[in-house]
Every structure is written in C-alpha cells, then in structure tokens.
Amino acid sequence: MATIAMTLKSEVTEQVGVPRAAVIRFPYGYSVGAAFDLAMQRSIVKDALNLVYQIEEPRTIVRLPYRWRGKL
C-alpha cells in the first residue's frame, strides 16, 4: 500500500527518510488548513494523495503551494 506523509517540518522528514512526503507551511495543529475551511482541507488532502502517483523517486519531499490565511 502506497503512503504519503504530511509534514510541517521538511528538515525532520528528510532525516527520517520517509518514501514520499508533502510539506505544508502552516502552524502546528493545522496541517490541512484552518478549522471549518472544508474546501481548503479537501483540496490539500486531494493534492497530497495525488502525489502518491506523481512521485517516482524514493525519499522525495514536495512542498505544497498553499499559504496560511486562517486565524489562530
């Protein structure tokens, strides 16, 4: 079964050596977006899952293009 890690810290993920990962630059606790922003959450999860098919090299980390716009 193919997997993808969602991470907020690419440096740590590089050291762990996961097969494939998606990095998102959001605050801790909000790895798929602000609370109740279902459209953004759905989009982030969909993009991360699509990376399973796109990433061909092991230990690849892809930065997702989203920007934090929520309130803390």
C-alpha atoms as a PDB file:
ATOM      1  CA  MET A   1       0.000   0.000   0.000  1.00  0.00           C
ATOM      2  CA  ALA A   2       1.453   3.338  -1.024  1.00  0.00           C
ATOM      3  CA  THR A   3       1.601   6.074   1.602  1.00  0.00           C
ATOM      4  CA  ILE A   4       2.457   9.734   1.832  1.00  0.00           C
ATOM      5  CA  ALA A   5       3.482  11.647   4.942  1.00  0.00           C
ATOM      6  CA  MET A   6       2.098  15.108   5.631  1.00  0.00           C
ATOM      7  CA  THR A   7       4.677  17.224   7.409  1.00  0.00           C
ATOM      8  CA  LEU A   8       5.174  20.732   8.702  1.00  0.00           C
ATOM      9  CA  LYS A   9       8.956  20.351   9.052  1.00  0.00           C
ATOM     10  CA  SER A  10      10.793  19.161   5.965  1.00  0.00           C
ATOM     11  CA  GLU A  11      14.132  19.051   7.847  1.00  0.00           C
ATOM     12  CA  VAL A  12      12.840  16.395  10.250  1.00  0.00           C
ATOM     13  CA  THR A  13      11.159  14.462   7.467  1.00  0.00           C
ATOM     14  CA  GLU A  14      14.416  14.342   5.488  1.00  0.00           C
ATOM     15  CA  GLN A  15      16.209  12.800   8.472  1.00  0.00           C
ATOM     16  CA  VAL A  16      13.509  10.174   8.987  1.00  0.00           C
ATOM     17  CA  GLY A  17      13.664   9.138   5.324  1.00  0.00           C
ATOM     18  CA  VAL A  18      10.008   8.537   4.501  1.00  0.00           C
ATOM     19  CA  PRO A  19       9.320   7.212   0.984  1.00  0.00           C
ATOM     20  CA  ARG A  20       7.340  10.292  -0.042  1.00  0.00           C
ATOM     21  CA  ALA A  21       6.116  13.387   1.771  1.00  0.00           C
ATOM     22  CA  ALA A  22       4.114  16.563   1.281  1.00  0.00           C
ATOM     23  CA  VAL A  23       5.264  19.655   3.159  1.00  0.00           C
ATOM     24  CA  ILE A  24       2.880  22.422   4.044  1.00  0.00           C
ATOM     25  CA  ARG A  25       3.966  25.650   5.765  1.00  0.00           C
ATOM     26  CA  PHE A  26       1.096  26.003   8.215  1.00  0.00           C
ATOM     27  CA  PRO A  27       1.070  26.427  12.014  1.00  0.00           C
ATOM     28  CA  TYR A  28       1.271  23.318  14.193  1.00  0.00           C
ATOM     29  CA  GLY A  29      -2.098  21.661  14.582  1.00  0.00           C
ATOM     30  CA  TYR A  30      -3.382  22.930  11.230  1.00  0.00           C
ATOM     31  CA  SER A  31      -1.675  20.604   8.752  1.00  0.00           C
ATOM     32  CA  VAL A  32      -4.652  20.577   6.380  1.00  0.00           C
ATOM     33  CA  GLY A  33      -5.860  24.139   6.937  1.00  0.00           C
ATOM     34  CA  ALA A  34      -7.948  26.248   9.247  1.00  0.00           C
ATOM     35  CA  ALA A  35     -10.817  24.731  11.201  1.00  0.00           C
ATOM     36  CA  PHE A  36     -14.067  24.533   9.230  1.00  0.00           C
ATOM     37  CA  ASP A  37     -12.407  25.525   5.919  1.00  0.00           C
ATOM     38  CA  LEU A  38     -13.611  22.340   4.283  1.00  0.00           C
ATOM     39  CA  ALA A  39     -12.837  23.439   0.728  1.00  0.00           C
ATOM     40  CA  MET A  40      -9.165  24.075   1.513  1.00  0.00           C
ATOM     41  CA  GLN A  41      -8.864  20.931   3.632  1.00  0.00           C
ATOM     42  CA  ARG A  42     -10.321  18.814   0.844  1.00  0.00           C
ATOM     43  CA  SER A  43      -8.009  20.419  -1.715  1.00  0.00           C
ATOM     44  CA  ILE A  44      -4.883  19.864   0.412  1.00  0.00           C
ATOM     45  CA  VAL A  45      -5.717  16.216   1.097  1.00  0.00           C
ATOM     46  CA  LYS A  46      -6.508  15.606  -2.582  1.00  0.00           C
ATOM     47  CA  ASP A  47      -3.227  17.201  -3.701  1.00  0.00           C
ATOM     48  CA  ALA A  48      -1.245  15.192  -1.150  1.00  0.00           C
ATOM     49  CA  LEU A  49      -2.868  11.915  -2.207  1.00  0.00           C
ATOM     50  CA  ASN A  50      -2.225  12.669  -5.877  1.00  0.00           C
ATOM     51  CA  LEU A  51       1.492  12.892  -5.080  1.00  0.00           C
ATOM     52  CA  VAL A  52       1.441   9.132  -4.454  1.00  0.00           C
ATOM     53  CA  TYR A  53       1.050   8.726  -8.227  1.00  0.00           C
ATOM     54  CA  GLN A  54       3.383  11.570  -9.219  1.00  0.00           C
ATOM     55  CA  ILE A  55       6.439  10.885  -7.052  1.00  0.00           C
ATOM     56  CA  GLU A  56       8.744   8.335  -8.665  1.00  0.00           C
ATOM     57  CA  GLU A  57      11.961   8.644  -6.617  1.00  0.00           C
ATOM     58  CA  PRO A  58      12.184   7.374  -3.029  1.00  0.00           C
ATOM     59  CA  ARG A  59      12.629   9.929  -0.234  1.00  0.00           C
ATOM     60  CA  THR A  60      11.030  12.695  -2.303  1.00  0.00           C
ATOM     61  CA  ILE A  61       9.570  15.654  -0.440  1.00  0.00           C
ATOM     62  CA  VAL A  62       7.211  18.011  -2.282  1.00  0.00           C
ATOM     63  CA  ARG A  63       6.259  21.441  -0.956  1.00  0.00           C
ATOM     64  CA  LEU A  64       2.556  22.127  -1.432  1.00  0.00           C
ATOM     65  CA  PRO A  65       1.819  25.667  -2.713  1.00  0.00           C
ATOM     66  CA  TYR A  66      -0.746  26.673  -0.083  1.00  0.00           C
ATOM     67  CA  ARG A  67      -0.433  29.771   2.101  1.00  0.00           C
ATOM     68  CA  TRP A  68      -1.855  30.121   5.595  1.00  0.00           C
ATOM     69  CA  ARG A  69      -4.752  32.590   5.713  1.00  0.00           C
ATOM     70  CA  GLY A  70      -6.568  31.379   8.816  1.00  0.00           C
ATOM     71  CA  LYS A  71      -6.648  32.854  12.275  1.00  0.00           C
ATOM     72  CA  LEU A  72      -5.055  31.192  15.270  1.00  0.00           C
END
